[in-house]
Amino acid sequence: MRKRWEQSRESYLDMQAGVLSSIIATYVSVEAMSMALCFSVQAAGRVMGAMTVTRVMPKQYKYVLRGGSSLKVDLHTGAIVEGVLIFFICLALHIVSVRDCEGETLKVCKMKHR
């Protein structure tokens, strides 16, 4: 039970890093060149979230981090794949925010949740 709680806390902190980068992207004009800023802030937020989890976690539960998920490929390939996927997610969000001037996507989302 504790292991699942620690994993959910880690994913919560990772989600908070994504929210932080979205807030920063809202106040900074998101142009094609500032997509690199968005990617950098997300990567830094994830690193800070992982460091926070390792520092806050009690010593008796540190073994949970060693037995966590692992990649079937080397670390560089995993980092490249994650970077490419984050780029396309940011690009899709950018396209939706630029093309959706009148808020039609938001209207559709509100209609689905009624």
N, C-alpha and C. Protein backbone atom coordinates (compact mmCIF):
# COMPACT_ATOMS: atom_id res chain seq x y z
N MET A 1 0.82 -1.19 0.00
CA MET A 1 0.00 0.00 0.00
C MET A 1 0.86 1.26 0.00
N ARG A 2 1.94 1.24 0.80
CA ARG A 2 2.82 2.41 0.85
C ARG A 2 3.48 2.67 -0.49
N LYS A 3 3.85 1.59 -1.17
CA LYS A 3 4.55 1.75 -2.45
C LYS A 3 3.65 2.47 -3.45
N ARG A 4 2.39 2.09 -3.51
CA ARG A 4 1.46 2.73 -4.43
C ARG A 4 1.27 4.20 -4.06
N TRP A 5 1.23 4.51 -2.75
CA TRP A 5 1.07 5.88 -2.31
C TRP A 5 2.28 6.72 -2.71
N GLU A 6 3.48 6.17 -2.57
CA GLU A 6 4.69 6.90 -2.95
C GLU A 6 4.71 7.17 -4.45
N GLN A 7 4.27 6.18 -5.25
CA GLN A 7 4.24 6.38 -6.69
C GLN A 7 3.21 7.44 -7.07
N SER A 8 2.07 7.44 -6.38
CA SER A 8 1.06 8.45 -6.71
C SER A 8 1.54 9.84 -6.30
N ARG A 9 2.30 9.93 -5.21
CA ARG A 9 2.84 11.22 -4.80
C ARG A 9 3.87 11.71 -5.82
N GLU A 10 4.67 10.78 -6.34
CA GLU A 10 5.66 11.16 -7.34
C GLU A 10 4.97 11.64 -8.62
N SER A 11 3.93 10.94 -9.05
CA SER A 11 3.23 11.37 -10.25
C SER A 11 2.49 12.69 -10.01
N TYR A 12 2.04 12.91 -8.77
CA TYR A 12 1.40 14.19 -8.44
C TYR A 12 2.40 15.33 -8.58
N LEU A 13 3.63 15.14 -8.07
CA LEU A 13 4.64 16.18 -8.20
C LEU A 13 5.03 16.40 -9.65
N ASP A 14 5.05 15.33 -10.44
CA ASP A 14 5.34 15.46 -11.87
C ASP A 14 4.24 16.26 -12.56
N MET A 15 2.99 16.00 -12.16
CA MET A 15 1.88 16.75 -12.73
C MET A 15 1.97 18.22 -12.34
N GLN A 16 2.39 18.50 -11.10
CA GLN A 16 2.54 19.89 -10.67
C GLN A 16 3.59 20.62 -11.49
N ALA A 17 4.66 19.90 -11.88
CA ALA A 17 5.67 20.52 -12.73
C ALA A 17 5.08 20.89 -14.09
N GLY A 18 4.21 20.01 -14.63
CA GLY A 18 3.54 20.33 -15.89
C GLY A 18 2.61 21.51 -15.76
N VAL A 19 1.91 21.61 -14.62
CA VAL A 19 1.02 22.74 -14.39
C VAL A 19 1.82 24.03 -14.29
N LEU A 20 2.97 23.97 -13.60
CA LEU A 20 3.83 25.15 -13.48
C LEU A 20 4.29 25.63 -14.85
N SER A 21 4.69 24.69 -15.70
CA SER A 21 5.15 25.10 -17.03
C SER A 21 3.99 25.65 -17.87
N SER A 22 2.78 25.13 -17.67
CA SER A 22 1.62 25.67 -18.39
C SER A 22 1.30 27.09 -17.95
N ILE A 23 1.43 27.34 -16.64
CA ILE A 23 1.17 28.70 -16.14
C ILE A 23 2.19 29.67 -16.69
N ILE A 24 3.45 29.26 -16.70
CA ILE A 24 4.49 30.13 -17.25
C ILE A 24 4.25 30.36 -18.73
N ALA A 25 3.84 29.32 -19.45
CA ALA A 25 3.58 29.46 -20.89
C ALA A 25 2.39 30.37 -21.15
N THR A 26 1.46 30.45 -20.20
CA THR A 26 0.31 31.33 -20.36
C THR A 26 0.73 32.80 -20.31
N TYR A 27 1.62 33.13 -19.40
CA TYR A 27 2.02 34.52 -19.25
C TYR A 27 3.13 34.93 -20.20
N VAL A 28 3.84 33.97 -20.76
CA VAL A 28 4.86 34.27 -21.76
C VAL A 28 4.21 34.02 -23.11
N SER A 29 4.41 34.89 -24.08
CA SER A 29 3.80 34.67 -25.38
C SER A 29 4.41 33.41 -26.00
N VAL A 30 3.55 32.45 -26.29
CA VAL A 30 4.01 31.16 -26.77
C VAL A 30 4.17 31.23 -28.28
N GLU A 31 5.35 31.52 -28.71
CA GLU A 31 5.68 31.52 -30.13
C GLU A 31 6.46 30.25 -30.42
N ALA A 32 6.84 30.07 -31.66
CA ALA A 32 7.58 28.86 -32.04
C ALA A 32 8.92 28.77 -31.31
N MET A 33 9.56 29.92 -31.09
CA MET A 33 10.86 29.90 -30.41
C MET A 33 10.73 29.67 -28.92
N SER A 34 9.60 30.05 -28.32
CA SER A 34 9.46 29.86 -26.89
C SER A 34 9.00 28.45 -26.54
N MET A 35 8.79 27.61 -27.54
CA MET A 35 8.52 26.20 -27.26
C MET A 35 9.72 25.57 -26.58
N ALA A 36 10.92 26.03 -26.92
CA ALA A 36 12.12 25.54 -26.26
C ALA A 36 12.10 25.91 -24.78
N LEU A 37 11.60 27.09 -24.46
CA LEU A 37 11.47 27.51 -23.07
C LEU A 37 10.50 26.60 -22.33
N CYS A 38 9.39 26.28 -22.97
CA CYS A 38 8.39 25.40 -22.37
C CYS A 38 9.00 24.03 -22.08
N PHE A 39 9.74 23.49 -23.03
CA PHE A 39 10.38 22.19 -22.85
C PHE A 39 11.40 22.25 -21.71
N SER A 40 12.17 23.31 -21.66
CA SER A 40 13.19 23.44 -20.62
C SER A 40 12.57 23.54 -19.23
N VAL A 41 11.49 24.30 -19.12
CA VAL A 41 10.81 24.46 -17.83
C VAL A 41 10.20 23.14 -17.40
N GLN A 42 9.62 22.38 -18.33
CA GLN A 42 9.06 21.08 -17.98
C GLN A 42 10.14 20.12 -17.50
N ALA A 43 11.27 20.09 -18.20
CA ALA A 43 12.36 19.20 -17.80
C ALA A 43 12.90 19.60 -16.43
N ALA A 44 13.07 20.89 -16.20
CA ALA A 44 13.57 21.35 -14.90
C ALA A 44 12.55 21.04 -13.80
N GLY A 45 11.28 21.19 -14.08
CA GLY A 45 10.25 20.87 -13.10
C GLY A 45 10.23 19.40 -12.75
N ARG A 46 10.43 18.55 -13.73
CA ARG A 46 10.47 17.11 -13.44
C ARG A 46 11.68 16.75 -12.58
N VAL A 47 12.82 17.35 -12.89
CA VAL A 47 14.02 17.09 -12.09
C VAL A 47 13.80 17.57 -10.66
N MET A 48 13.23 18.77 -10.51
CA MET A 48 12.98 19.29 -9.16
C MET A 48 11.96 18.43 -8.42
N GLY A 49 10.96 17.93 -9.12
CA GLY A 49 9.98 17.05 -8.49
C GLY A 49 10.60 15.76 -8.01
N ALA A 50 11.46 15.16 -8.84
CA ALA A 50 12.13 13.93 -8.43
C ALA A 50 13.07 14.17 -7.26
N MET A 51 13.78 15.30 -7.27
CA MET A 51 14.67 15.61 -6.15
C MET A 51 13.87 15.87 -4.88
N THR A 52 12.72 16.50 -5.00
CA THR A 52 11.87 16.76 -3.84
C THR A 52 11.38 15.46 -3.24
N VAL A 53 10.97 14.52 -4.10
CA VAL A 53 10.49 13.23 -3.60
C VAL A 53 11.59 12.50 -2.86
N THR A 54 12.80 12.50 -3.40
CA THR A 54 13.89 11.79 -2.73
C THR A 54 14.29 12.46 -1.42
N ARG A 55 14.15 13.76 -1.32
CA ARG A 55 14.53 14.45 -0.07
C ARG A 55 13.44 14.34 0.99
N VAL A 56 12.18 14.34 0.59
CA VAL A 56 11.08 14.31 1.54
C VAL A 56 10.81 12.90 2.05
N MET A 57 11.09 11.91 1.24
CA MET A 57 10.77 10.53 1.57
C MET A 57 11.55 10.06 2.81
N PRO A 58 10.88 9.42 3.79
CA PRO A 58 11.58 8.90 4.96
C PRO A 58 12.59 7.81 4.57
N LYS A 59 13.61 7.64 5.42
CA LYS A 59 14.69 6.71 5.09
C LYS A 59 14.20 5.27 5.00
N GLN A 60 13.21 4.89 5.80
CA GLN A 60 12.78 3.49 5.76
C GLN A 60 12.06 3.13 4.46
N TYR A 61 11.67 4.13 3.66
CA TYR A 61 11.00 3.85 2.39
C TYR A 61 11.87 4.14 1.17
N LYS A 62 13.14 4.45 1.38
CA LYS A 62 14.04 4.76 0.26
C LYS A 62 14.23 3.56 -0.66
N TYR A 63 14.06 2.34 -0.13
CA TYR A 63 14.24 1.15 -0.96
C TYR A 63 13.22 1.10 -2.09
N VAL A 64 12.11 1.79 -1.95
CA VAL A 64 11.07 1.79 -2.98
C VAL A 64 11.59 2.39 -4.27
N LEU A 65 12.44 3.40 -4.16
CA LEU A 65 12.97 4.06 -5.35
C LEU A 65 13.90 3.16 -6.14
N ARG A 66 14.62 2.28 -5.45
CA ARG A 66 15.56 1.40 -6.15
C ARG A 66 14.84 0.33 -6.97
N GLY A 67 13.70 -0.10 -6.51
CA GLY A 67 12.98 -1.16 -7.20
C GLY A 67 11.90 -0.65 -8.13
N GLY A 68 11.99 0.60 -8.52
CA GLY A 68 10.96 1.21 -9.36
C GLY A 68 11.04 0.75 -10.80
N SER A 69 10.31 1.42 -11.63
CA SER A 69 10.28 1.06 -13.04
C SER A 69 11.62 1.35 -13.69
N SER A 70 11.93 0.59 -14.71
CA SER A 70 13.19 0.79 -15.42
C SER A 70 12.93 0.73 -16.92
N LEU A 71 13.83 1.32 -17.67
CA LEU A 71 13.72 1.31 -19.12
C LEU A 71 14.33 0.03 -19.68
N LYS A 72 13.80 -0.44 -20.77
CA LYS A 72 14.38 -1.60 -21.46
C LYS A 72 15.47 -1.17 -22.43
N VAL A 73 15.66 0.13 -22.56
CA VAL A 73 16.70 0.69 -23.43
C VAL A 73 17.62 1.55 -22.58
N ASP A 74 18.69 2.06 -23.19
CA ASP A 74 19.61 2.88 -22.40
C ASP A 74 18.98 4.24 -22.08
N LEU A 75 19.58 4.94 -21.15
CA LEU A 75 19.02 6.18 -20.63
C LEU A 75 18.93 7.27 -21.70
N HIS A 76 19.90 7.34 -22.59
CA HIS A 76 19.90 8.39 -23.61
C HIS A 76 18.74 8.21 -24.59
N THR A 77 18.46 6.97 -24.97
CA THR A 77 17.33 6.71 -25.87
C THR A 77 16.01 7.10 -25.20
N GLY A 78 15.87 6.76 -23.93
CA GLY A 78 14.66 7.14 -23.19
C GLY A 78 14.49 8.64 -23.10
N ALA A 79 15.59 9.35 -22.86
CA ALA A 79 15.52 10.82 -22.77
C ALA A 79 15.17 11.43 -24.12
N ILE A 80 15.71 10.88 -25.19
CA ILE A 80 15.40 11.40 -26.53
C ILE A 80 13.93 11.17 -26.87
N VAL A 81 13.43 9.98 -26.57
CA VAL A 81 12.02 9.67 -26.86
C VAL A 81 11.11 10.58 -26.05
N GLU A 82 11.42 10.77 -24.77
CA GLU A 82 10.59 11.65 -23.95
C GLU A 82 10.64 13.09 -24.46
N GLY A 83 11.82 13.54 -24.87
CA GLY A 83 11.94 14.89 -25.41
C GLY A 83 11.12 15.08 -26.67
N VAL A 84 11.15 14.09 -27.56
CA VAL A 84 10.37 14.18 -28.81
C VAL A 84 8.88 14.18 -28.50
N LEU A 85 8.44 13.32 -27.59
CA LEU A 85 7.02 13.28 -27.25
C LEU A 85 6.56 14.58 -26.59
N ILE A 86 7.37 15.13 -25.70
CA ILE A 86 7.01 16.40 -25.07
C ILE A 86 6.94 17.51 -26.12
N PHE A 87 7.86 17.49 -27.07
CA PHE A 87 7.83 18.50 -28.13
C PHE A 87 6.51 18.43 -28.89
N PHE A 88 6.07 17.22 -29.26
CA PHE A 88 4.83 17.11 -30.02
C PHE A 88 3.61 17.47 -29.18
N ILE A 89 3.65 17.18 -27.88
CA ILE A 89 2.54 17.59 -27.02
C ILE A 89 2.47 19.11 -26.94
N CYS A 90 3.62 19.76 -26.75
CA CYS A 90 3.65 21.23 -26.71
C CYS A 90 3.24 21.82 -28.05
N LEU A 91 3.66 21.20 -29.14
CA LEU A 91 3.28 21.69 -30.46
C LEU A 91 1.77 21.57 -30.68
N ALA A 92 1.19 20.45 -30.25
CA ALA A 92 -0.26 20.28 -30.39
C ALA A 92 -1.01 21.31 -29.55
N LEU A 93 -0.56 21.55 -28.33
CA LEU A 93 -1.20 22.56 -27.50
C LEU A 93 -1.07 23.95 -28.11
N HIS A 94 0.08 24.22 -28.68
CA HIS A 94 0.30 25.52 -29.32
C HIS A 94 -0.64 25.69 -30.52
N ILE A 95 -0.76 24.66 -31.34
CA ILE A 95 -1.63 24.74 -32.52
C ILE A 95 -3.08 24.94 -32.10
N VAL A 96 -3.51 24.20 -31.07
CA VAL A 96 -4.89 24.34 -30.61
C VAL A 96 -5.13 25.74 -30.06
N SER A 97 -4.17 26.27 -29.30
CA SER A 97 -4.38 27.60 -28.72
C SER A 97 -4.34 28.70 -29.77
N VAL A 98 -3.57 28.52 -30.83
CA VAL A 98 -3.50 29.54 -31.88
C VAL A 98 -4.72 29.46 -32.79
N ARG A 99 -5.13 28.26 -33.15
CA ARG A 99 -6.25 28.10 -34.08
C ARG A 99 -7.60 28.31 -33.42
N ASP A 100 -7.66 28.13 -32.10
CA ASP A 100 -8.94 28.21 -31.40
C ASP A 100 -9.13 29.61 -30.83
N CYS A 101 -9.31 30.57 -31.71
CA CYS A 101 -9.41 31.97 -31.29
C CYS A 101 -10.72 32.26 -30.56
N GLU A 102 -11.79 31.60 -30.95
CA GLU A 102 -13.10 31.91 -30.37
C GLU A 102 -13.49 30.96 -29.25
N GLY A 103 -12.60 30.07 -28.85
CA GLY A 103 -12.88 29.19 -27.72
C GLY A 103 -13.84 28.07 -28.04
N GLU A 104 -13.86 27.61 -29.28
CA GLU A 104 -14.80 26.55 -29.65
C GLU A 104 -14.46 25.22 -29.00
N THR A 105 -13.17 24.95 -28.82
CA THR A 105 -12.79 23.70 -28.16
C THR A 105 -13.27 23.69 -26.73
N LEU A 106 -13.16 24.82 -26.05
CA LEU A 106 -13.63 24.92 -24.67
C LEU A 106 -15.14 24.74 -24.60
N LYS A 107 -15.87 25.28 -25.57
CA LYS A 107 -17.32 25.12 -25.59
C LYS A 107 -17.70 23.66 -25.75
N VAL A 108 -16.98 22.94 -26.63
CA VAL A 108 -17.27 21.52 -26.84
C VAL A 108 -16.98 20.73 -25.57
N CYS A 109 -15.88 21.04 -24.89
CA CYS A 109 -15.54 20.35 -23.65
C CYS A 109 -16.59 20.59 -22.58
N LYS A 110 -17.11 21.81 -22.50
CA LYS A 110 -18.14 22.10 -21.51
C LYS A 110 -19.42 21.36 -21.84
N MET A 111 -19.75 21.21 -23.13
CA MET A 111 -20.96 20.51 -23.51
C MET A 111 -20.86 19.03 -23.20
N LYS A 112 -19.66 18.45 -23.31
CA LYS A 112 -19.50 17.02 -23.03
C LYS A 112 -19.65 16.71 -21.55
N HIS A 113 -19.33 17.65 -20.68
CA HIS A 113 -19.35 17.39 -19.25
C HIS A 113 -20.67 17.77 -18.58
N ARG A 114 -21.67 18.09 -19.36
CA ARG A 114 -22.98 18.43 -18.78
C ARG A 114 -23.79 17.20 -18.54
